[in-house]
Amino acid sequence: MNQHLIEIARHVADDAHAILITDQAGWHMSNTLVVPGNITIVPLPPKSPELNPVENLWQFMRENWLSNRVFKSYDDIVGHCYDAWRKLKNQPWRIRSIGYRKWAHEF
């Protein structure tokens, strides 16, 4: 996570500040995190997948392209995950439908 934060910080404009919204996974909230000065981490409340639509994307990929398999190796797992992400990336209509929250568009 520290490496990820460093990479994000490198891409934040000099006159800007990034807000990184995270779930409360252990690596997102670790006491050993070194958060760059141009980033603020805002944790989502626990058990609130409706606020984190990407969780539904992960579930869709697991249910449709990654479950019920026996993987031969770590590289095989990574390869299948890469293929699933690429398939989903090429289906923007599906991403919209999975991530859509009617209540978020009613204001």
C-alpha atoms as a PDB file:
ATOM      1  CA  MET A   1       0.000   0.000   0.000  1.00  0.00           C
ATOM      2  CA  ASN A   2       2.880   2.345   0.704  1.00  0.00           C
ATOM      3  CA  GLN A   3       4.182   1.834  -2.839  1.00  0.00           C
ATOM      4  CA  HIS A   4       0.699   2.470  -4.187  1.00  0.00           C
ATOM      5  CA  LEU A   5       0.471   5.737  -2.234  1.00  0.00           C
ATOM      6  CA  ILE A   6       3.867   6.833  -3.532  1.00  0.00           C
ATOM      7  CA  GLU A   7       2.719   6.211  -7.102  1.00  0.00           C
ATOM      8  CA  ILE A   8      -0.536   8.109  -6.593  1.00  0.00           C
ATOM      9  CA  ALA A   9       1.329  11.018  -4.992  1.00  0.00           C
ATOM     10  CA  ARG A  10       3.662  11.258  -8.005  1.00  0.00           C
ATOM     11  CA  HIS A  11       0.677  11.940 -10.251  1.00  0.00           C
ATOM     12  CA  VAL A  12      -1.043  14.580  -8.121  1.00  0.00           C
ATOM     13  CA  ALA A  13      -0.519  18.065  -9.560  1.00  0.00           C
ATOM     14  CA  ASP A  14       1.630  20.397  -7.464  1.00  0.00           C
ATOM     15  CA  ASP A  15      -1.337  22.644  -6.684  1.00  0.00           C
ATOM     16  CA  ALA A  16      -3.746  19.757  -5.929  1.00  0.00           C
ATOM     17  CA  HIS A  17      -4.550  17.334  -3.136  1.00  0.00           C
ATOM     18  CA  ALA A  18      -5.856  13.764  -3.607  1.00  0.00           C
ATOM     19  CA  ILE A  19      -8.595  12.175  -1.555  1.00  0.00           C
ATOM     20  CA  LEU A  20      -8.306   8.382  -1.559  1.00  0.00           C
ATOM     21  CA  ILE A  21     -11.488   6.620  -0.482  1.00  0.00           C
ATOM     22  CA  THR A  22     -10.775   3.139   0.830  1.00  0.00           C
ATOM     23  CA  ASP A  23     -12.554   0.335   2.552  1.00  0.00           C
ATOM     24  CA  GLN A  24     -11.188  -0.648   5.930  1.00  0.00           C
ATOM     25  CA  ALA A  25      -9.050  -3.565   4.784  1.00  0.00           C
ATOM     26  CA  GLY A  26      -6.067  -4.012   7.087  1.00  0.00           C
ATOM     27  CA  TRP A  27      -3.529  -2.872   4.501  1.00  0.00           C
ATOM     28  CA  HIS A  28      -5.550   0.303   3.827  1.00  0.00           C
ATOM     29  CA  MET A  29      -5.559   1.299   7.500  1.00  0.00           C
ATOM     30  CA  SER A  30      -2.254  -0.064   8.773  1.00  0.00           C
ATOM     31  CA  ASN A  31      -0.338   1.933  11.377  1.00  0.00           C
ATOM     32  CA  THR A  32       2.758   1.438   9.216  1.00  0.00           C
ATOM     33  CA  LEU A  33       1.312   3.418   6.293  1.00  0.00           C
ATOM     34  CA  VAL A  34       3.297   6.437   5.220  1.00  0.00           C
ATOM     35  CA  VAL A  35       0.709   8.751   3.689  1.00  0.00           C
ATOM     36  CA  PRO A  36       2.270  11.456   1.497  1.00  0.00           C
ATOM     37  CA  GLY A  37       1.332  15.026   2.355  1.00  0.00           C
ATOM     38  CA  ASN A  38      -0.640  15.497  -0.848  1.00  0.00           C
ATOM     39  CA  ILE A  39      -3.009  12.587  -0.091  1.00  0.00           C
ATOM     40  CA  THR A  40      -5.758  12.193   2.492  1.00  0.00           C
ATOM     41  CA  ILE A  41      -7.247   8.749   3.099  1.00  0.00           C
ATOM     42  CA  VAL A  42     -10.973   8.706   3.829  1.00  0.00           C
ATOM     43  CA  PRO A  43     -12.162   5.277   5.025  1.00  0.00           C
ATOM     44  CA  LEU A  44     -15.654   4.087   4.194  1.00  0.00           C
ATOM     45  CA  PRO A  45     -17.788   2.865   7.092  1.00  0.00           C
ATOM     46  CA  PRO A  46     -17.454  -0.863   7.782  1.00  0.00           C
ATOM     47  CA  LYS A  47     -19.816  -3.228   5.987  1.00  0.00           C
ATOM     48  CA  SER A  48     -21.036  -0.693   3.439  1.00  0.00           C
ATOM     49  CA  PRO A  49     -20.590  -2.268  -0.009  1.00  0.00           C
ATOM     50  CA  GLU A  50     -23.284   0.055  -1.381  1.00  0.00           C
ATOM     51  CA  LEU A  51     -20.762   2.886  -0.986  1.00  0.00           C
ATOM     52  CA  ASN A  52     -18.032   0.937  -2.765  1.00  0.00           C
ATOM     53  CA  PRO A  53     -19.414  -0.257  -6.129  1.00  0.00           C
ATOM     54  CA  VAL A  54     -16.109  -1.848  -7.137  1.00  0.00           C
ATOM     55  CA  GLU A  55     -16.924  -4.622  -4.659  1.00  0.00           C
ATOM     56  CA  ASN A  56     -19.786  -5.596  -6.981  1.00  0.00           C
ATOM     57  CA  LEU A  57     -17.370  -5.678  -9.933  1.00  0.00           C
ATOM     58  CA  TRP A  58     -15.071  -8.062  -8.049  1.00  0.00           C
ATOM     59  CA  GLN A  59     -18.054 -10.247  -7.158  1.00  0.00           C
ATOM     60  CA  PHE A  60     -19.218 -10.313 -10.789  1.00  0.00           C
ATOM     61  CA  MET A  61     -15.758 -11.346 -12.007  1.00  0.00           C
ATOM     62  CA  ARG A  62     -15.454 -14.054  -9.345  1.00  0.00           C
ATOM     63  CA  GLU A  63     -18.896 -15.461 -10.091  1.00  0.00           C
ATOM     64  CA  ASN A  64     -18.549 -15.384 -13.884  1.00  0.00           C
ATOM     65  CA  TRP A  65     -14.898 -15.828 -14.773  1.00  0.00           C
ATOM     66  CA  LEU A  66     -12.830 -16.854 -11.755  1.00  0.00           C
ATOM     67  CA  SER A  67     -14.820 -19.330  -9.667  1.00  0.00           C
ATOM     68  CA  ASN A  68     -14.950 -23.124  -9.853  1.00  0.00           C
ATOM     69  CA  ARG A  69     -11.432 -23.446 -11.221  1.00  0.00           C
ATOM     70  CA  VAL A  70      -8.296 -25.212 -10.174  1.00  0.00           C
ATOM     71  CA  PHE A  71      -5.314 -22.985 -10.792  1.00  0.00           C
ATOM     72  CA  LYS A  72      -1.978 -24.564 -11.662  1.00  0.00           C
ATOM     73  CA  SER A  73       0.187 -21.856 -10.141  1.00  0.00           C
ATOM     74  CA  TYR A  74       0.296 -18.318  -8.845  1.00  0.00           C
ATOM     75  CA  ASP A  75       1.027 -17.102 -12.387  1.00  0.00           C
ATOM     76  CA  ASP A  76      -2.048 -18.974 -13.601  1.00  0.00           C
ATOM     77  CA  ILE A  77      -4.204 -17.158 -11.019  1.00  0.00           C
ATOM     78  CA  VAL A  78      -2.732 -13.791 -12.011  1.00  0.00           C
ATOM     79  CA  GLY A  79      -3.264 -14.583 -15.693  1.00  0.00           C
ATOM     80  CA  HIS A  80      -6.926 -15.479 -15.173  1.00  0.00           C
ATOM     81  CA  CYS A  81      -7.473 -12.333 -13.085  1.00  0.00           C
ATOM     82  CA  TYR A  82      -5.844 -10.247 -15.809  1.00  0.00           C
ATOM     83  CA  ASP A  83      -8.075 -11.854 -18.448  1.00  0.00           C
ATOM     84  CA  ALA A  84     -11.205 -11.280 -16.347  1.00  0.00           C
ATOM     85  CA  TRP A  85     -10.315  -7.627 -15.765  1.00  0.00           C
ATOM     86  CA  ARG A  86      -9.602  -7.147 -19.481  1.00  0.00           C
ATOM     87  CA  LYS A  87     -12.965  -8.704 -20.398  1.00  0.00           C
ATOM     88  CA  LEU A  88     -14.770  -6.433 -17.979  1.00  0.00           C
ATOM     89  CA  LYS A  89     -12.834  -3.359 -19.124  1.00  0.00           C
ATOM     90  CA  ASN A  90     -14.067  -4.036 -22.661  1.00  0.00           C
ATOM     91  CA  GLN A  91     -17.692  -4.057 -21.447  1.00  0.00           C
ATOM     92  CA  PRO A  92     -18.274  -0.505 -20.145  1.00  0.00           C
ATOM     93  CA  TRP A  93     -22.058  -0.992 -20.287  1.00  0.00           C
ATOM     94  CA  ARG A  94     -21.690  -3.845 -17.788  1.00  0.00           C
ATOM     95  CA  ILE A  95     -19.482  -1.762 -15.498  1.00  0.00           C
ATOM     96  CA  ARG A  96     -22.105   1.005 -15.533  1.00  0.00           C
ATOM     97  CA  SER A  97     -24.942  -1.399 -14.771  1.00  0.00           C
ATOM     98  CA  ILE A  98     -23.075  -3.165 -11.944  1.00  0.00           C
ATOM     99  CA  GLY A  99     -21.872   0.065 -10.343  1.00  0.00           C
ATOM    100  CA  TYR A 100     -25.071   2.058 -10.821  1.00  0.00           C
ATOM    101  CA  ARG A 101     -26.765   3.235  -7.657  1.00  0.00           C
ATOM    102  CA  LYS A 102     -30.212   4.716  -8.309  1.00  0.00           C
ATOM    103  CA  TRP A 103     -30.192   6.599  -5.007  1.00  0.00           C
ATOM    104  CA  ALA A 104     -26.941   8.359  -5.963  1.00  0.00           C
ATOM    105  CA  HIS A 105     -28.615   9.907  -9.012  1.00  0.00           C
ATOM    106  CA  GLU A 106     -31.759  11.177  -7.332  1.00  0.00           C
ATOM    107  CA  PHE A 107     -30.359  14.464  -5.992  1.00  0.00           C
END
